[in-house]
Amino acid sequence: MLIRYKKSFEKIAMGLLSFMPNEKDLKKLQQTIKEYETNDQWHLFLWKENDDIIGLIGGREVNDEVFEVLHISVNPSHREQGVGKGMVKALKDMFPNAQFSPSENVATFFNRCD
């Protein structure tokens, strides 16, 4: 189930984001989380299964029609189980009128989810 990010999930979100190749640096992680917390155009969602948060997906509204997916991350012990594909589908369901544009960092995975 996809849930909206809240400040109380900060450590979990930062841990999941740190699996992304371009989010290894602590300062970069902190900047990314701050952007999700303060920018109304940026949206971060966590994937919850059986009371555990095991993945995240996030991005930004470029305009009224385009949503750029910037981050997709799944806990390594839950990979290859369809979690990432589930998050992509749930995100598309949340923004049914949006055209999705994955960033370079997530494009390969995102495009395999259709």
Protein backbone atom coordinates (compact mmCIF):
# COMPACT_ATOMS: atom_id res chain seq x y z
CA MET A 1 0.00 0.00 0.00
CA LEU A 2 1.32 3.44 -0.93
CA ILE A 3 1.29 6.03 1.87
CA ARG A 4 2.36 9.67 1.89
CA TYR A 5 5.69 10.54 3.44
CA LYS A 6 5.59 12.17 6.88
CA LYS A 7 8.44 13.66 8.89
CA SER A 8 8.21 10.73 11.34
CA PHE A 9 9.35 8.45 8.47
CA GLU A 10 12.46 10.52 7.74
CA LYS A 11 15.08 7.95 8.82
CA ILE A 12 13.37 5.11 6.97
CA ALA A 13 13.01 7.26 3.84
CA MET A 14 16.65 8.34 3.99
CA GLY A 15 17.72 4.72 4.36
CA LEU A 16 15.72 3.68 1.32
CA LEU A 17 16.89 6.69 -0.71
CA SER A 18 20.51 5.83 0.12
CA PHE A 19 20.17 2.72 -2.10
CA MET A 20 19.90 5.05 -5.11
CA PRO A 21 23.32 5.58 -6.76
CA ASN A 22 23.02 9.38 -6.83
CA GLU A 23 21.87 9.63 -3.18
CA LYS A 24 24.86 8.10 -1.36
CA ASP A 25 26.18 11.34 0.16
CA LEU A 26 24.55 12.38 3.46
CA LYS A 27 24.31 16.07 2.47
CA LYS A 28 22.65 15.12 -0.82
CA LEU A 29 20.19 12.85 1.04
CA GLN A 30 19.32 15.64 3.46
CA GLN A 31 18.77 18.09 0.58
CA THR A 32 16.51 15.61 -1.20
CA ILE A 33 14.40 14.95 1.89
CA LYS A 34 14.15 18.69 2.57
CA GLU A 35 12.94 19.26 -1.00
CA TYR A 36 10.21 16.63 -0.53
CA GLU A 37 9.22 18.21 2.81
CA THR A 38 9.12 21.84 1.67
CA ASN A 39 8.26 21.89 -2.03
CA ASP A 40 4.55 21.43 -2.77
CA GLN A 41 5.38 20.14 -6.26
CA TRP A 42 7.49 17.26 -4.88
CA HIS A 43 5.73 14.12 -3.62
CA LEU A 44 7.27 11.19 -1.76
CA PHE A 45 5.39 7.98 -1.03
CA LEU A 46 6.36 4.93 0.98
CA TRP A 47 5.31 1.35 0.30
CA LYS A 48 3.99 -0.43 3.37
CA GLU A 49 3.43 -4.18 3.64
CA ASN A 50 2.55 -5.98 6.88
CA ASP A 51 3.38 -2.89 8.99
CA ASP A 52 6.86 -2.63 7.41
CA ILE A 53 7.97 0.14 5.07
CA ILE A 54 9.94 -1.60 2.35
CA GLY A 55 10.05 0.84 -0.56
CA LEU A 56 9.61 4.39 -1.74
CA ILE A 57 8.74 6.24 -4.90
CA GLY A 58 8.87 9.97 -5.41
CA GLY A 59 8.94 12.74 -7.93
CA ARG A 60 7.75 16.17 -8.86
CA GLU A 61 4.94 17.75 -10.77
CA VAL A 62 6.62 19.47 -13.71
CA ASN A 63 3.31 21.07 -14.69
CA ASP A 64 -0.40 20.19 -14.59
CA GLU A 65 0.12 17.32 -17.02
CA VAL A 66 3.60 15.90 -16.37
CA PHE A 67 4.90 14.05 -13.31
CA GLU A 68 8.63 13.31 -13.31
CA VAL A 69 9.53 10.20 -11.30
CA LEU A 70 12.86 10.89 -9.58
CA HIS A 71 13.26 8.07 -7.07
CA ILE A 72 12.28 4.40 -6.84
CA SER A 73 13.88 2.27 -4.17
CA VAL A 74 13.09 -1.08 -2.58
CA ASN A 75 14.75 -2.65 0.44
CA PRO A 76 17.20 -5.23 -0.99
CA SER A 77 15.63 -8.08 0.98
CA HIS A 78 12.28 -7.40 -0.76
CA ARG A 79 13.50 -7.02 -4.34
CA GLU A 80 12.36 -9.25 -7.21
CA GLN A 81 8.91 -9.57 -5.59
CA GLY A 82 6.98 -6.99 -7.62
CA VAL A 83 7.19 -4.20 -5.03
CA GLY A 84 8.64 -1.67 -7.47
CA LYS A 85 6.04 -2.47 -10.11
CA GLY A 86 3.32 -2.19 -7.46
CA MET A 87 4.57 1.25 -6.46
CA VAL A 88 4.62 2.45 -10.07
CA LYS A 89 1.06 1.20 -10.64
CA ALA A 90 -0.17 2.79 -7.39
CA LEU A 91 1.49 6.10 -8.29
CA LYS A 92 -0.16 6.07 -11.71
CA ASP A 93 -3.49 5.38 -10.02
CA MET A 94 -2.97 8.38 -7.69
CA PHE A 95 -2.28 10.70 -10.62
CA PRO A 96 -4.56 9.26 -13.32
CA ASN A 97 -4.43 12.30 -15.59
CA ALA A 98 -0.66 12.73 -15.46
CA GLN A 99 1.79 11.85 -18.14
CA PHE A 100 4.78 10.18 -16.43
CA SER A 101 8.33 11.04 -17.30
CA PRO A 102 10.97 9.03 -15.46
CA SER A 103 14.30 10.66 -14.69
CA GLU A 104 17.45 9.17 -16.18
CA ASN A 105 18.20 7.40 -12.87
CA VAL A 106 14.94 5.40 -12.83
CA ALA A 107 13.98 5.27 -16.53
CA THR A 108 15.22 1.72 -17.22
CA PHE A 109 13.23 0.23 -14.34
CA PHE A 110 10.19 2.49 -14.77
CA ASN A 111 9.81 1.66 -18.46
CA ARG A 112 9.85 -2.09 -17.69
CA CYS A 113 6.86 -1.65 -15.36
CA ASP A 114 4.25 -1.19 -18.10
